[in-house]
Amino acid sequence: MELADRAVGLLLSFVSLSIFTYYTFWVIILPFVDSDHFIHQYFLPQEYAILIPVFAGMVLLCFLCVFIGFVMLKSKKKKA
């Protein structure tokens, strides 16, 4: 089981590093590259650089609120 855990951890680290590198290049470096350069075809428009993290944060916040509410309801039933 330890080998599987290490493989999952390595995969998650690789995915996180890839997303971080892509987003950093998209937000910090790409605005300084000419708009007719071929590299722009691999990236979404700049507006999405803000919309995607905001949407992901809102989904995470909603999930967290639902989870906390579920745990509070479940603990209330145990006391009664």
C-alpha atoms as a PDB file:
ATOM      1  CA  MET A   1       0.000   0.000   0.000  1.00  0.00           C
ATOM      2  CA  GLU A   2       2.896   2.346   0.669  1.00  0.00           C
ATOM      3  CA  LEU A   3       4.036   2.171  -2.960  1.00  0.00           C
ATOM      4  CA  ALA A   4       0.551   3.078  -4.182  1.00  0.00           C
ATOM      5  CA  ASP A   5       0.423   6.044  -1.805  1.00  0.00           C
ATOM      6  CA  ARG A   6       3.785   7.265  -3.052  1.00  0.00           C
ATOM      7  CA  ALA A   7       2.649   6.898  -6.675  1.00  0.00           C
ATOM      8  CA  VAL A   8      -0.517   8.903  -6.007  1.00  0.00           C
ATOM      9  CA  GLY A   9       1.504  11.544  -4.180  1.00  0.00           C
ATOM     10  CA  LEU A  10       3.963  11.775  -7.059  1.00  0.00           C
ATOM     11  CA  LEU A  11       1.116  12.064  -9.569  1.00  0.00           C
ATOM     12  CA  LEU A  12      -0.617  14.784  -7.546  1.00  0.00           C
ATOM     13  CA  SER A  13       2.664  16.679  -7.189  1.00  0.00           C
ATOM     14  CA  PHE A  14       3.285  16.460 -10.937  1.00  0.00           C
ATOM     15  CA  VAL A  15      -0.249  17.666 -11.754  1.00  0.00           C
ATOM     16  CA  SER A  16       0.003  20.541  -9.271  1.00  0.00           C
ATOM     17  CA  LEU A  17       3.388  21.620 -10.585  1.00  0.00           C
ATOM     18  CA  SER A  18       2.126  21.461 -14.169  1.00  0.00           C
ATOM     19  CA  ILE A  19      -0.940  23.580 -13.396  1.00  0.00           C
ATOM     20  CA  PHE A  20       1.167  26.087 -11.473  1.00  0.00           C
ATOM     21  CA  THR A  21       3.688  26.382 -14.320  1.00  0.00           C
ATOM     22  CA  TYR A  22       0.977  26.759 -16.965  1.00  0.00           C
ATOM     23  CA  TYR A  23      -0.937  29.382 -14.965  1.00  0.00           C
ATOM     24  CA  THR A  24       2.230  31.331 -14.092  1.00  0.00           C
ATOM     25  CA  PHE A  25       3.318  31.437 -17.707  1.00  0.00           C
ATOM     26  CA  TRP A  26      -0.215  32.392 -18.795  1.00  0.00           C
ATOM     27  CA  VAL A  27      -0.626  35.253 -16.317  1.00  0.00           C
ATOM     28  CA  ILE A  28       2.894  36.640 -15.890  1.00  0.00           C
ATOM     29  CA  ILE A  29       4.841  35.979 -19.084  1.00  0.00           C
ATOM     30  CA  LEU A  30       2.227  35.805 -21.857  1.00  0.00           C
ATOM     31  CA  PRO A  31       1.146  39.482 -21.655  1.00  0.00           C
ATOM     32  CA  PHE A  32       4.669  40.480 -22.684  1.00  0.00           C
ATOM     33  CA  VAL A  33       4.658  38.253 -25.792  1.00  0.00           C
ATOM     34  CA  ASP A  34       3.399  39.694 -29.098  1.00  0.00           C
ATOM     35  CA  SER A  35      -0.262  38.871 -29.708  1.00  0.00           C
ATOM     36  CA  ASP A  36       0.454  37.352 -33.143  1.00  0.00           C
ATOM     37  CA  HIS A  37       3.000  34.861 -31.746  1.00  0.00           C
ATOM     38  CA  PHE A  38       2.078  31.177 -32.181  1.00  0.00           C
ATOM     39  CA  ILE A  39       2.277  30.490 -28.426  1.00  0.00           C
ATOM     40  CA  HIS A  40      -1.034  32.322 -27.862  1.00  0.00           C
ATOM     41  CA  GLN A  41      -2.961  29.491 -29.506  1.00  0.00           C
ATOM     42  CA  TYR A  42      -2.173  27.228 -26.516  1.00  0.00           C
ATOM     43  CA  PHE A  43      -3.767  29.531 -23.942  1.00  0.00           C
ATOM     44  CA  LEU A  44      -7.278  30.761 -23.226  1.00  0.00           C
ATOM     45  CA  PRO A  45      -8.058  34.496 -23.333  1.00  0.00           C
ATOM     46  CA  GLN A  46      -6.766  36.552 -20.392  1.00  0.00           C
ATOM     47  CA  GLU A  47     -10.263  37.019 -18.909  1.00  0.00           C
ATOM     48  CA  TYR A  48     -10.332  33.346 -17.990  1.00  0.00           C
ATOM     49  CA  ALA A  49      -7.183  33.772 -15.897  1.00  0.00           C
ATOM     50  CA  ILE A  50      -9.397  35.465 -13.308  1.00  0.00           C
ATOM     51  CA  LEU A  51     -12.703  33.675 -13.912  1.00  0.00           C
ATOM     52  CA  ILE A  52     -11.401  30.119 -13.526  1.00  0.00           C
ATOM     53  CA  PRO A  53      -9.787  30.589 -10.062  1.00  0.00           C
ATOM     54  CA  VAL A  54     -12.787  32.602  -8.837  1.00  0.00           C
ATOM     55  CA  PHE A  55     -15.180  29.888  -9.993  1.00  0.00           C
ATOM     56  CA  ALA A  56     -13.007  27.150  -8.451  1.00  0.00           C
ATOM     57  CA  GLY A  57     -12.856  29.097  -5.168  1.00  0.00           C
ATOM     58  CA  MET A  58     -16.624  29.524  -5.101  1.00  0.00           C
ATOM     59  CA  VAL A  59     -17.157  25.800  -5.734  1.00  0.00           C
ATOM     60  CA  LEU A  60     -14.699  24.969  -2.953  1.00  0.00           C
ATOM     61  CA  LEU A  61     -16.394  27.400  -0.572  1.00  0.00           C
ATOM     62  CA  CYS A  62     -19.840  25.964  -1.358  1.00  0.00           C
ATOM     63  CA  PHE A  63     -18.581  22.414  -0.869  1.00  0.00           C
ATOM     64  CA  LEU A  64     -17.012  23.401   2.455  1.00  0.00           C
ATOM     65  CA  CYS A  65     -20.237  25.021   3.676  1.00  0.00           C
ATOM     66  CA  VAL A  66     -22.318  21.986   2.692  1.00  0.00           C
ATOM     67  CA  PHE A  67     -19.828  19.661   4.386  1.00  0.00           C
ATOM     68  CA  ILE A  68     -19.832  21.687   7.617  1.00  0.00           C
ATOM     69  CA  GLY A  69     -23.633  21.846   7.590  1.00  0.00           C
ATOM     70  CA  PHE A  70     -23.851  18.087   7.046  1.00  0.00           C
ATOM     71  CA  VAL A  71     -21.456  17.403   9.927  1.00  0.00           C
ATOM     72  CA  MET A  72     -23.387  19.768  12.223  1.00  0.00           C
ATOM     73  CA  LEU A  73     -26.702  18.079  11.379  1.00  0.00           C
ATOM     74  CA  LYS A  74     -25.218  14.632  11.908  1.00  0.00           C
ATOM     75  CA  SER A  75     -23.713  15.586  15.291  1.00  0.00           C
ATOM     76  CA  LYS A  76     -27.040  17.104  16.362  1.00  0.00           C
ATOM     77  CA  LYS A  77     -28.841  13.824  15.653  1.00  0.00           C
ATOM     78  CA  LYS A  78     -26.336  11.885  17.764  1.00  0.00           C
ATOM     79  CA  LYS A  79     -26.949  14.133  20.806  1.00  0.00           C
ATOM     80  CA  ALA A  80     -30.722  13.795  20.629  1.00  0.00           C
END
